PDB file of N, CA and C in Angstrom:
ATOM      1  N   MET A   1     -57.215  75.211  13.660  1.00  0.00           N
ATOM      2  CA  MET A   1     -57.168  74.642  14.995  1.00  0.00           C
ATOM      3  C   MET A   1     -56.217  73.441  15.043  1.00  0.00           C
ATOM      4  N   ASN A   2     -56.216  72.629  14.002  1.00  0.00           N
ATOM      5  CA  ASN A   2     -55.352  71.459  13.961  1.00  0.00           C
ATOM      6  C   ASN A   2     -53.882  71.875  13.875  1.00  0.00           C
ATOM      7  N   PHE A   3     -53.598  72.945  13.124  1.00  0.00           N
ATOM      8  CA  PHE A   3     -52.231  73.459  13.002  1.00  0.00           C
ATOM      9  C   PHE A   3     -51.722  73.950  14.363  1.00  0.00           C
ATOM     10  N   LYS A   4     -52.605  74.603  15.115  1.00  0.00           N
ATOM     11  CA  LYS A   4     -52.243  75.117  16.441  1.00  0.00           C
ATOM     12  C   LYS A   4     -51.901  73.966  17.393  1.00  0.00           C
ATOM     13  N   ARG A   5     -52.679  72.887  17.314  1.00  0.00           N
ATOM     14  CA  ARG A   5     -52.408  71.724  18.169  1.00  0.00           C
ATOM     15  C   ARG A   5     -51.082  71.069  17.796  1.00  0.00           C
ATOM     16  N   THR A   6     -50.804  70.989  16.504  1.00  0.00           N
ATOM     17  CA  THR A   6     -49.553  70.374  16.048  1.00  0.00           C
ATOM     18  C   THR A   6     -48.354  71.175  16.540  1.00  0.00           C
ATOM     19  N   ILE A   7     -48.420  72.483  16.415  1.00  0.00           N
ATOM     20  CA  ILE A   7     -47.342  73.349  16.912  1.00  0.00           C
ATOM     21  C   ILE A   7     -47.216  73.215  18.427  1.00  0.00           C
ATOM     22  N   GLY A   8     -48.341  73.092  19.121  1.00  0.00           N
ATOM     23  CA  GLY A   8     -48.326  72.909  20.574  1.00  0.00           C
ATOM     24  C   GLY A   8     -47.604  71.638  20.979  1.00  0.00           C
ATOM     25  N   TRP A   9     -47.905  70.533  20.284  1.00  0.00           N
ATOM     26  CA  TRP A   9     -47.236  69.265  20.582  1.00  0.00           C
ATOM     27  C   TRP A   9     -45.748  69.342  20.265  1.00  0.00           C
ATOM     28  N   ILE A  10     -45.409  69.979  19.156  1.00  0.00           N
ATOM     29  CA  ILE A  10     -43.992  70.113  18.788  1.00  0.00           C
ATOM     30  C   ILE A  10     -43.244  70.918  19.846  1.00  0.00           C
ATOM     31  N   MET A  11     -43.845  72.020  20.298  1.00  0.00           N
ATOM     32  CA  MET A  11     -43.189  72.843  21.326  1.00  0.00           C
ATOM     33  C   MET A  11     -43.086  72.093  22.645  1.00  0.00           C
ATOM     34  N   PHE A  12     -44.141  71.365  23.005  1.00  0.00           N
ATOM     35  CA  PHE A  12     -44.126  70.606  24.249  1.00  0.00           C
ATOM     36  C   PHE A  12     -43.000  69.575  24.243  1.00  0.00           C
ATOM     37  N   PHE A  13     -42.920  68.777  23.176  1.00  0.00           N
ATOM     38  CA  PHE A  13     -41.897  67.735  23.124  1.00  0.00           C
ATOM     39  C   PHE A  13     -40.490  68.299  22.941  1.00  0.00           C
ATOM     40  N   SER A  14     -40.367  69.425  22.244  1.00  0.00           N
ATOM     41  CA  SER A  14     -39.027  70.023  22.117  1.00  0.00           C
ATOM     42  C   SER A  14     -38.543  70.556  23.464  1.00  0.00           C
ATOM     43  N   GLY A  15     -39.436  71.129  24.263  1.00  0.00           N
ATOM     44  CA  GLY A  15     -39.058  71.580  25.607  1.00  0.00           C
ATOM     45  C   GLY A  15     -38.648  70.423  26.498  1.00  0.00           C
ATOM     46  N   ILE A  16     -39.426  69.344  26.444  1.00  0.00           N
ATOM     47  CA  ILE A  16     -39.092  68.148  27.224  1.00  0.00           C
ATOM     48  C   ILE A  16     -37.766  67.567  26.754  1.00  0.00           C
ATOM     49  N   LEU A  17     -37.533  67.561  25.439  1.00  0.00           N
ATOM     50  CA  LEU A  17     -36.283  67.041  24.888  1.00  0.00           C
ATOM     51  C   LEU A  17     -35.082  67.871  25.353  1.00  0.00           C
ATOM     52  N   ILE A  18     -35.231  69.182  25.399  1.00  0.00           N
ATOM     53  CA  ILE A  18     -34.147  70.049  25.894  1.00  0.00           C
ATOM     54  C   ILE A  18     -33.832  69.723  27.347  1.00  0.00           C
ATOM     55  N   ILE A  19     -34.870  69.556  28.150  1.00  0.00           N
ATOM     56  CA  ILE A  19     -34.672  69.255  29.574  1.00  0.00           C
ATOM     57  C   ILE A  19     -34.002  67.895  29.752  1.00  0.00           C
ATOM     58  N   VAL A  20     -34.482  66.882  29.052  1.00  0.00           N
ATOM     59  CA  VAL A  20     -33.924  65.533  29.194  1.00  0.00           C
ATOM     60  C   VAL A  20     -32.474  65.495  28.715  1.00  0.00           C
ATOM     61  N   PHE A  21     -32.195  66.129  27.573  1.00  0.00           N
ATOM     62  CA  PHE A  21     -30.824  66.154  27.064  1.00  0.00           C
ATOM     63  C   PHE A  21     -29.890  66.852  28.053  1.00  0.00           C
ATOM     64  N   THR A  22     -30.340  67.968  28.623  1.00  0.00           N
ATOM     65  CA  THR A  22     -29.510  68.708  29.575  1.00  0.00           C
ATOM     66  C   THR A  22     -29.243  67.884  30.827  1.00  0.00           C
ATOM     67  N   LEU A  23     -30.269  67.218  31.340  1.00  0.00           N
ATOM     68  CA  LEU A  23     -30.081  66.392  32.534  1.00  0.00           C
ATOM     69  C   LEU A  23     -29.167  65.199  32.253  1.00  0.00           C
ATOM     70  N   TYR A  24     -29.311  64.586  31.085  1.00  0.00           N
ATOM     71  CA  TYR A  24     -28.452  63.453  30.721  1.00  0.00           C
ATOM     72  C   TYR A  24     -26.999  63.902  30.594  1.00  0.00           C
ATOM     73  N   ARG A  25     -26.798  65.030  29.940  1.00  0.00           N
ATOM     74  CA  ARG A  25     -25.438  65.561  29.769  1.00  0.00           C
ATOM     75  C   ARG A  25     -24.838  65.927  31.136  1.00  0.00           C
ATOM     76  N   SER A  26     -25.640  66.537  32.010  1.00  0.00           N
ATOM     77  CA  SER A  26     -25.154  66.896  33.347  1.00  0.00           C
ATOM     78  C   SER A  26     -24.788  65.655  34.148  1.00  0.00           C
ATOM     79  N   TYR A  27     -25.606  64.625  34.046  1.00  0.00           N
ATOM     80  CA  TYR A  27     -25.305  63.380  34.744  1.00  0.00           C
ATOM     81  C   TYR A  27     -23.958  62.827  34.292  1.00  0.00           C
ATOM     82  N   ASN A  28     -23.728  62.820  32.981  1.00  0.00           N
ATOM     83  CA  ASN A  28     -22.457  62.309  32.462  1.00  0.00           C
ATOM     84  C   ASN A  28     -21.276  63.181  32.874  1.00  0.00           C
ATOM     85  N   ILE A  29     -21.475  64.479  32.945  1.00  0.00           N
ATOM     86  CA  ILE A  29     -20.382  65.374  33.350  1.00  0.00           C
ATOM     87  C   ILE A  29     -20.050  65.188  34.825  1.00  0.00           C
ATOM     88  N   PHE A  30     -21.079  65.138  35.677  1.00  0.00           N
ATOM     89  CA  PHE A  30     -20.815  65.064  37.110  1.00  0.00           C
ATOM     90  C   PHE A  30     -20.428  63.666  37.587  1.00  0.00           C
ATOM     91  N   THR A  31     -20.644  62.643  36.770  1.00  0.00           N
ATOM     92  CA  THR A  31     -20.133  61.317  37.123  1.00  0.00           C
ATOM     93  C   THR A  31     -18.761  61.064  36.524  1.00  0.00           C
ATOM     94  N   GLY A  32     -18.259  61.996  35.730  1.00  0.00           N
ATOM     95  CA  GLY A  32     -16.908  61.890  35.197  1.00  0.00           C
ATOM     96  C   GLY A  32     -16.806  61.180  33.859  1.00  0.00           C
ATOM     97  N   LYS A  33     -17.921  60.852  33.239  1.00  0.00           N
ATOM     98  CA  LYS A  33     -17.872  60.187  31.936  1.00  0.00           C
ATOM     99  C   LYS A  33     -17.517  61.163  30.820  1.00  0.00           C
ATOM    100  N   LEU A  34     -17.911  62.416  30.970  1.00  0.00           N
ATOM    101  CA  LEU A  34     -17.600  63.464  29.993  1.00  0.00           C
ATOM    102  C   LEU A  34     -16.931  64.629  30.711  1.00  0.00           C
ATOM    103  N   PRO A  35     -16.013  65.310  30.060  1.00  0.00           N
ATOM    104  CA  PRO A  35     -15.433  66.507  30.683  1.00  0.00           C
ATOM    105  C   PRO A  35     -16.400  67.687  30.552  1.00  0.00           C
ATOM    106  N   PRO A  36     -16.367  68.602  31.500  1.00  0.00           N
ATOM    107  CA  PRO A  36     -17.232  69.783  31.366  1.00  0.00           C
ATOM    108  C   PRO A  36     -16.745  70.670  30.226  1.00  0.00           C
ATOM    109  N   PRO A  37     -17.619  71.482  29.667  1.00  0.00           N
ATOM    110  CA  PRO A  37     -17.165  72.405  28.622  1.00  0.00           C
ATOM    111  C   PRO A  37     -16.064  73.306  29.172  1.00  0.00           C
ATOM    112  N   GLU A  38     -15.015  73.462  28.409  1.00  0.00           N
ATOM    113  CA  GLU A  38     -13.856  74.218  28.883  1.00  0.00           C
ATOM    114  C   GLU A  38     -14.040  75.700  28.560  1.00  0.00           C
ATOM    115  N   ILE A  39     -14.578  76.420  29.524  1.00  0.00           N
ATOM    116  CA  ILE A  39     -14.788  77.855  29.374  1.00  0.00           C
ATOM    117  C   ILE A  39     -13.600  78.610  29.949  1.00  0.00           C
ATOM    118  N   PHE A  40     -13.146  78.164  31.106  1.00  0.00           N
ATOM    119  CA  PHE A  40     -11.993  78.785  31.749  1.00  0.00           C
ATOM    120  C   PHE A  40     -10.765  77.923  31.492  1.00  0.00           C
ATOM    121  N   LYS A  41      -9.683  78.583  31.129  1.00  0.00           N
ATOM    122  CA  LYS A  41      -8.448  77.870  30.819  1.00  0.00           C
ATOM    123  C   LYS A  41      -7.282  78.694  31.358  1.00  0.00           C
ATOM    124  N   ILE A  42      -6.337  78.037  32.008  1.00  0.00           N
ATOM    125  CA  ILE A  42      -5.148  78.725  32.509  1.00  0.00           C
ATOM    126  C   ILE A  42      -3.980  78.342  31.620  1.00  0.00           C
ATOM    127  N   GLU A  43      -3.298  79.350  31.129  1.00  0.00           N
ATOM    128  CA  GLU A  43      -2.130  79.095  30.298  1.00  0.00           C
ATOM    129  C   GLU A  43      -0.944  78.767  31.191  1.00  0.00           C
ATOM    130  N   GLU A  44      -0.163  77.823  30.744  1.00  0.00           N
ATOM    131  CA  GLU A  44       1.016  77.413  31.501  1.00  0.00           C
ATOM    132  C   GLU A  44       2.112  78.459  31.359  1.00  0.00           C
ATOM    133  N   LYS A  45       2.718  78.804  32.470  1.00  0.00           N
ATOM    134  CA  LYS A  45       3.833  79.749  32.460  1.00  0.00           C
ATOM    135  C   LYS A  45       5.128  78.967  32.620  1.00  0.00           C
ATOM    136  N   THR A  46       6.096  79.321  31.837  1.00  0.00           N
ATOM    137  CA  THR A  46       7.413  78.717  32.004  1.00  0.00           C
ATOM    138  C   THR A  46       8.301  79.743  32.692  1.00  0.00           C
ATOM    139  N   THR A  47       8.836  79.347  33.802  1.00  0.00           N
ATOM    140  CA  THR A  47       9.691  80.252  34.560  1.00  0.00           C
ATOM    141  C   THR A  47      11.116  79.735  34.535  1.00  0.00           C
ATOM    142  N   ILE A  48      12.005  80.651  34.491  1.00  0.00           N
ATOM    143  CA  ILE A  48      13.423  80.309  34.534  1.00  0.00           C
ATOM    144  C   ILE A  48      13.827  80.248  36.002  1.00  0.00           C
ATOM    145  N   PRO A  49      14.351  79.094  36.432  1.00  0.00           N
ATOM    146  CA  PRO A  49      14.732  79.003  37.840  1.00  0.00           C
ATOM    147  C   PRO A  49      15.858  79.989  38.153  1.00  0.00           C
ATOM    148  N   SER A  50      15.628  80.747  39.193  1.00  0.00           N
ATOM    149  CA  SER A  50      16.646  81.725  39.589  1.00  0.00           C
ATOM    150  C   SER A  50      17.525  81.139  40.688  1.00  0.00           C
ATOM    151  N   LYS A  51      18.692  81.685  40.798  1.00  0.00           N
ATOM    152  CA  LYS A  51      19.615  81.224  41.831  1.00  0.00           C
ATOM    153  C   LYS A  51      19.128  81.724  43.185  1.00  0.00           C
ATOM    154  N   LYS A  52      19.085  80.824  44.128  1.00  0.00           N
ATOM    155  CA  LYS A  52      18.664  81.186  45.475  1.00  0.00           C
ATOM    156  C   LYS A  52      19.855  81.753  46.224  1.00  0.00           C
ATOM    157  N   LYS A  53      19.649  82.916  46.768  1.00  0.00           N
ATOM    158  CA  LYS A  53      20.701  83.510  47.583  1.00  0.00           C
ATOM    159  C   LYS A  53      20.147  83.756  48.976  1.00  0.00           C
ATOM    160  N   VAL A  54      21.024  83.878  49.902  1.00  0.00           N
ATOM    161  CA  VAL A  54      20.632  84.100  51.284  1.00  0.00           C
ATOM    162  C   VAL A  54      20.159  85.546  51.422  1.00  0.00           C
ATOM    163  N   PRO A  55      18.922  85.734  51.910  1.00  0.00           N
ATOM    164  CA  PRO A  55      18.426  87.105  52.049  1.00  0.00           C
ATOM    165  C   PRO A  55      19.207  87.859  53.123  1.00  0.00           C
ATOM    166  N   THR A  56      19.523  89.096  52.820  1.00  0.00           N
ATOM    167  CA  THR A  56      20.293  89.902  53.768  1.00  0.00           C
ATOM    168  C   THR A  56      19.462  91.013  54.377  1.00  0.00           C
ATOM    169  N   THR A  57      18.459  91.478  53.670  1.00  0.00           N
ATOM    170  CA  THR A  57      17.637  92.561  54.215  1.00  0.00           C
ATOM    171  C   THR A  57      16.265  92.025  54.580  1.00  0.00           C
ATOM    172  N   LEU A  58      15.545  92.841  55.312  1.00  0.00           N
ATOM    173  CA  LEU A  58      14.202  92.464  55.742  1.00  0.00           C
ATOM    174  C   LEU A  58      13.267  92.311  54.541  1.00  0.00           C
ATOM    175  N   GLU A  59      13.408  93.168  53.542  1.00  0.00           N
ATOM    176  CA  GLU A  59      12.558  93.096  52.351  1.00  0.00           C
ATOM    177  C   GLU A  59      12.812  91.816  51.564  1.00  0.00           C
ATOM    178  N   GLU A  60      14.070  91.414  51.467  1.00  0.00           N
ATOM    179  CA  GLU A  60      14.391  90.169  50.766  1.00  0.00           C
ATOM    180  C   GLU A  60      13.829  88.969  51.515  1.00  0.00           C
ATOM    181  N   MET A  61      13.864  89.021  52.847  1.00  0.00           N
ATOM    182  CA  MET A  61      13.297  87.933  53.649  1.00  0.00           C
ATOM    183  C   MET A  61      11.785  87.846  53.441  1.00  0.00           C
ATOM    184  N   GLN A  62      11.119  89.003  53.429  1.00  0.00           N
ATOM    185  CA  GLN A  62       9.677  89.013  53.212  1.00  0.00           C
ATOM    186  C   GLN A  62       9.333  88.477  51.825  1.00  0.00           C
ATOM    187  N   GLN A  63      10.126  88.833  50.837  1.00  0.00           N
ATOM    188  CA  GLN A  63       9.887  88.355  49.483  1.00  0.00           C
ATOM    189  C   GLN A  63      10.077  86.840  49.405  1.00  0.00           C
ATOM    190  N   GLN A  64      11.114  86.328  50.074  1.00  0.00           N
ATOM    191  CA  GLN A  64      11.355  84.890  50.056  1.00  0.00           C
ATOM    192  C   GLN A  64      10.237  84.148  50.791  1.00  0.00           C
ATOM    193  N   ILE A  65       9.758  84.695  51.893  1.00  0.00           N
ATOM    194  CA  ILE A  65       8.646  84.067  52.615  1.00  0.00           C
ATOM    195  C   ILE A  65       7.396  84.054  51.742  1.00  0.00           C
ATOM    196  N   GLY A  66       7.161  85.151  51.026  1.00  0.00           N
ATOM    197  CA  GLY A  66       6.019  85.207  50.111  1.00  0.00           C
ATOM    198  C   GLY A  66       6.110  84.165  49.016  1.00  0.00           C
ATOM    199  N   GLU A  67       7.310  83.955  48.475  1.00  0.00           N
ATOM    200  CA  GLU A  67       7.502  82.942  47.436  1.00  0.00           C
ATOM    201  C   GLU A  67       7.273  81.539  47.990  1.00  0.00           C
ATOM    202  N   ILE A  68       7.753  81.294  49.204  1.00  0.00           N
ATOM    203  CA  ILE A  68       7.562  79.977  49.825  1.00  0.00           C
ATOM    204  C   ILE A  68       6.080  79.715  50.068  1.00  0.00           C
ATOM    205  N   LEU A  69       5.362  80.726  50.558  1.00  0.00           N
ATOM    206  CA  LEU A  69       3.925  80.568  50.784  1.00  0.00           C
ATOM    207  C   LEU A  69       3.177  80.336  49.472  1.00  0.00           C
ATOM    208  N   ALA A  70       3.580  81.030  48.422  1.00  0.00           N
ATOM    209  CA  ALA A  70       2.935  80.846  47.114  1.00  0.00           C
ATOM    210  C   ALA A  70       3.143  79.423  46.609  1.00  0.00           C
ATOM    211  N   GLU A  71       4.341  78.879  46.799  1.00  0.00           N
ATOM    212  CA  GLU A  71       4.605  77.500  46.380  1.00  0.00           C
ATOM    213  C   GLU A  71       3.765  76.513  47.184  1.00  0.00           C
ATOM    214  N   GLN A  72       3.630  76.757  48.483  1.00  0.00           N
ATOM    215  CA  GLN A  72       2.832  75.870  49.319  1.00  0.00           C
ATOM    216  C   GLN A  72       1.354  75.931  48.934  1.00  0.00           C
ATOM    217  N   LEU A  73       0.863  77.128  48.622  1.00  0.00           N
ATOM    218  CA  LEU A  73      -0.533  77.259  48.206  1.00  0.00           C
ATOM    219  C   LEU A  73      -0.786  76.564  46.873  1.00  0.00           C
ATOM    220  N   LYS A  74       0.198  76.564  45.993  1.00  0.00           N
ATOM    221  CA  LYS A  74       0.046  75.863  44.717  1.00  0.00           C
ATOM    222  C   LYS A  74      -0.106  74.366  44.943  1.00  0.00           C
ATOM    223  N   GLU A  75       0.543  73.844  45.976  1.00  0.00           N
ATOM    224  CA  GLU A  75       0.410  72.425  46.279  1.00  0.00           C
ATOM    225  C   GLU A  75      -0.957  72.122  46.880  1.00  0.00           C
ATOM    226  N   ILE A  76      -1.476  73.042  47.689  1.00  0.00           N
ATOM    227  CA  ILE A  76      -2.782  72.825  48.315  1.00  0.00           C
ATOM    228  C   ILE A  76      -3.902  72.988  47.297  1.00  0.00           C
ATOM    229  N   PHE A  77      -3.870  74.082  46.532  1.00  0.00           N
ATOM    230  CA  PHE A  77      -4.887  74.379  45.525  1.00  0.00           C
ATOM    231  C   PHE A  77      -4.248  74.391  44.143  1.00  0.00           C
ATOM    232  N   PRO A  78      -4.168  73.242  43.488  1.00  0.00           N
ATOM    233  CA  PRO A  78      -3.573  73.235  42.149  1.00  0.00           C
ATOM    234  C   PRO A  78      -4.427  74.039  41.165  1.00  0.00           C
ATOM    235  N   ARG A  79      -3.776  74.584  40.157  1.00  0.00           N
ATOM    236  CA  ARG A  79      -4.480  75.403  39.166  1.00  0.00           C
ATOM    237  C   ARG A  79      -5.552  74.608  38.435  1.00  0.00           C
ATOM    238  N   GLU A  80      -5.285  73.344  38.181  1.00  0.00           N
ATOM    239  CA  GLU A  80      -6.234  72.534  37.428  1.00  0.00           C
ATOM    240  C   GLU A  80      -7.551  72.380  38.182  1.00  0.00           C
ATOM    241  N   SER A  81      -7.477  72.228  39.507  1.00  0.00           N
ATOM    242  CA  SER A  81      -8.713  72.058  40.268  1.00  0.00           C
ATOM    243  C   SER A  81      -9.525  73.349  40.278  1.00  0.00           C
ATOM    244  N   THR A  82      -8.853  74.485  40.292  1.00  0.00           N
ATOM    245  CA  THR A  82      -9.568  75.758  40.273  1.00  0.00           C
ATOM    246  C   THR A  82     -10.324  75.924  38.964  1.00  0.00           C
ATOM    247  N   THR A  83      -9.670  75.640  37.849  1.00  0.00           N
ATOM    248  CA  THR A  83     -10.358  75.770  36.565  1.00  0.00           C
ATOM    249  C   THR A  83     -11.465  74.731  36.422  1.00  0.00           C
ATOM    250  N   LYS A  84     -11.253  73.551  36.975  1.00  0.00           N
ATOM    251  CA  LYS A  84     -12.291  72.519  36.896  1.00  0.00           C
ATOM    252  C   LYS A  84     -13.529  72.948  37.677  1.00  0.00           C
ATOM    253  N   ILE A  85     -13.323  73.519  38.857  1.00  0.00           N
ATOM    254  CA  ILE A  85     -14.452  73.990  39.656  1.00  0.00           C
ATOM    255  C   ILE A  85     -15.184  75.116  38.935  1.00  0.00           C
ATOM    256  N   LEU A  86     -14.436  76.056  38.358  1.00  0.00           N
ATOM    257  CA  LEU A  86     -15.070  77.153  37.619  1.00  0.00           C
ATOM    258  C   LEU A  86     -15.839  76.638  36.408  1.00  0.00           C
ATOM    259  N   ASN A  87     -15.288  75.652  35.712  1.00  0.00           N
ATOM    260  CA  ASN A  87     -15.993  75.081  34.561  1.00  0.00           C
ATOM    261  C   ASN A  87     -17.260  74.346  34.988  1.00  0.00           C
ATOM    262  N   LEU A  88     -17.210  73.644  36.122  1.00  0.00           N
ATOM    263  CA  LEU A  88     -18.408  72.961  36.616  1.00  0.00           C
ATOM    264  C   LEU A  88     -19.476  73.961  37.056  1.00  0.00           C
ATOM    265  N   ILE A  89     -19.052  75.054  37.677  1.00  0.00           N
ATOM    266  CA  ILE A  89     -20.012  76.085  38.079  1.00  0.00           C
ATOM    267  C   ILE A  89     -20.656  76.717  36.855  1.00  0.00           C
ATOM    268  N   SER A  90     -19.850  77.020  35.840  1.00  0.00           N
ATOM    269  CA  SER A  90     -20.417  77.622  34.631  1.00  0.00           C
ATOM    270  C   SER A  90     -21.357  76.641  33.927  1.00  0.00           C
ATOM    271  N   TRP A  91     -21.029  75.351  33.936  1.00  0.00           N
ATOM    272  CA  TRP A  91     -21.932  74.367  33.342  1.00  0.00           C
ATOM    273  C   TRP A  91     -23.232  74.296  34.134  1.00  0.00           C
ATOM    274  N   SER A  92     -23.147  74.385  35.466  1.00  0.00           N
ATOM    275  CA  SER A  92     -24.356  74.347  36.289  1.00  0.00           C
ATOM    276  C   SER A  92     -25.262  75.535  35.988  1.00  0.00           C
ATOM    277  N   ILE A  93     -24.674  76.706  35.803  1.00  0.00           N
ATOM    278  CA  ILE A  93     -25.467  77.891  35.461  1.00  0.00           C
ATOM    279  C   ILE A  93     -26.125  77.704  34.095  1.00  0.00           C
ATOM    280  N   LEU A  94     -25.363  77.218  33.125  1.00  0.00           N
ATOM    281  CA  LEU A  94     -25.917  76.975  31.792  1.00  0.00           C
ATOM    282  C   LEU A  94     -27.014  75.918  31.839  1.00  0.00           C
ATOM    283  N   THR A  95     -26.832  74.896  32.667  1.00  0.00           N
ATOM    284  CA  THR A  95     -27.852  73.863  32.821  1.00  0.00           C
ATOM    285  C   THR A  95     -29.141  74.458  33.367  1.00  0.00           C
ATOM    286  N   GLY A  96     -29.022  75.309  34.367  1.00  0.00           N
ATOM    287  CA  GLY A  96     -30.208  75.963  34.919  1.00  0.00           C
ATOM    288  C   GLY A  96     -30.941  76.786  33.879  1.00  0.00           C
ATOM    289  N   ILE A  97     -30.189  77.508  33.061  1.00  0.00           N
ATOM    290  CA  ILE A  97     -30.808  78.316  32.004  1.00  0.00           C
ATOM    291  C   ILE A  97     -31.508  77.424  30.983  1.00  0.00           C
ATOM    292  N   LEU A  98     -30.848  76.325  30.585  1.00  0.00           N
ATOM    293  CA  LEU A  98     -31.453  75.420  29.600  1.00  0.00           C
ATOM    294  C   LEU A  98     -32.708  74.737  30.143  1.00  0.00           C
ATOM    295  N   ILE A  99     -32.676  74.316  31.394  1.00  0.00           N
ATOM    296  CA  ILE A  99     -33.854  73.673  31.981  1.00  0.00           C
ATOM    297  C   ILE A  99     -34.994  74.674  32.100  1.00  0.00           C
ATOM    298  N   PHE A 100     -34.683  75.897  32.513  1.00  0.00           N
ATOM    299  CA  PHE A 100     -35.713  76.932  32.594  1.00  0.00           C
ATOM    300  C   PHE A 100     -36.304  77.202  31.210  1.00  0.00           C
ATOM    301  N   GLY A 101     -35.440  77.325  30.205  1.00  0.00           N
ATOM    302  CA  GLY A 101     -35.917  77.568  28.842  1.00  0.00           C
ATOM    303  C   GLY A 101     -36.759  76.420  28.316  1.00  0.00           C
ATOM    304  N   GLY A 102     -36.331  75.189  28.584  1.00  0.00           N
ATOM    305  CA  GLY A 102     -37.120  74.030  28.167  1.00  0.00           C
ATOM    306  C   GLY A 102     -38.481  74.003  28.831  1.00  0.00           C
ATOM    307  N   GLY A 103     -38.521  74.380  30.097  1.00  0.00           N
ATOM    308  CA  GLY A 103     -39.804  74.451  30.803  1.00  0.00           C
ATOM    309  C   GLY A 103     -40.722  75.512  30.215  1.00  0.00           C
ATOM    310  N   GLN A 104     -40.146  76.651  29.849  1.00  0.00           N
ATOM    311  CA  GLN A 104     -40.949  77.720  29.246  1.00  0.00           C
ATOM    312  C   GLN A 104     -41.483  77.300  27.877  1.00  0.00           C
ATOM    313  N   ILE A 105     -40.647  76.645  27.082  1.00  0.00           N
ATOM    314  CA  ILE A 105     -41.094  76.179  25.760  1.00  0.00           C
ATOM    315  C   ILE A 105     -42.214  75.150  25.915  1.00  0.00           C
ATOM    316  N   SER A 106     -42.058  74.234  26.875  1.00  0.00           N
ATOM    317  CA  SER A 106     -43.096  73.232  27.104  1.00  0.00           C
ATOM    318  C   SER A 106     -44.391  73.868  27.583  1.00  0.00           C
ATOM    319  N   SER A 107     -44.282  74.861  28.449  1.00  0.00           N
ATOM    320  CA  SER A 107     -45.507  75.510  28.936  1.00  0.00           C
ATOM    321  C   SER A 107     -46.213  76.268  27.812  1.00  0.00           C
ATOM    322  N   LEU A 108     -45.461  76.858  26.884  1.00  0.00           N
ATOM    323  CA  LEU A 108     -46.096  77.489  25.724  1.00  0.00           C
ATOM    324  C   LEU A 108     -46.812  76.445  24.871  1.00  0.00           C
ATOM    325  N   GLY A 109     -46.189  75.282  24.722  1.00  0.00           N
ATOM    326  CA  GLY A 109     -46.835  74.204  23.977  1.00  0.00           C
ATOM    327  C   GLY A 109     -48.115  73.744  24.638  1.00  0.00           C
ATOM    328  N   ILE A 110     -48.108  73.652  25.960  1.00  0.00           N
ATOM    329  CA  ILE A 110     -49.309  73.243  26.694  1.00  0.00           C
ATOM    330  C   ILE A 110     -50.407  74.288  26.536  1.00  0.00           C
ATOM    331  N   LYS A 111     -50.034  75.565  26.571  1.00  0.00           N
ATOM    332  CA  LYS A 111     -51.035  76.629  26.382  1.00  0.00           C
ATOM    333  C   LYS A 111     -51.649  76.566  24.986  1.00  0.00           C
ATOM    334  N   LEU A 112     -50.840  76.206  23.991  1.00  0.00           N
ATOM    335  CA  LEU A 112     -51.391  76.080  22.639  1.00  0.00           C
ATOM    336  C   LEU A 112     -52.315  74.869  22.515  1.00  0.00           C
ATOM    337  N   LEU A 113     -52.095  73.847  23.331  1.00  0.00           N
ATOM    338  CA  LEU A 113     -52.951  72.661  23.279  1.00  0.00           C
ATOM    339  C   LEU A 113     -54.314  72.906  23.913  1.00  0.00           C
ATOM    340  N   LYS A 114     -54.419  73.853  24.803  1.00  0.00           N
ATOM    341  CA  LYS A 114     -55.691  74.107  25.502  1.00  0.00           C
ATOM    342  C   LYS A 114     -56.657  74.843  24.651  1.00  0.00           C
TER     343      LYS A 114
END
């Protein structure tokens, strides 16, 4: 009976420790003190600048308009912000899983204490 209580207390405190550590780490990540885990990464592409010529056909004009729009969208939504948002979302999902797991471990410890 004493061994069961000891294991119960160990499980209870380990679950609480997982939850507290996860919340502390999340606080530091979302306040900017620590970077989020880098799960998503965009590789830098090096492009060779091409000579701009005056479009003569409708297809060339459409292609040039598409390139101009792509450049403007890159200014509005930089690649770094997209990966940062994805990394924060993935950290939030992992945080939820860790908190849920810590709660389950603690509840098993409480059941062993009863």
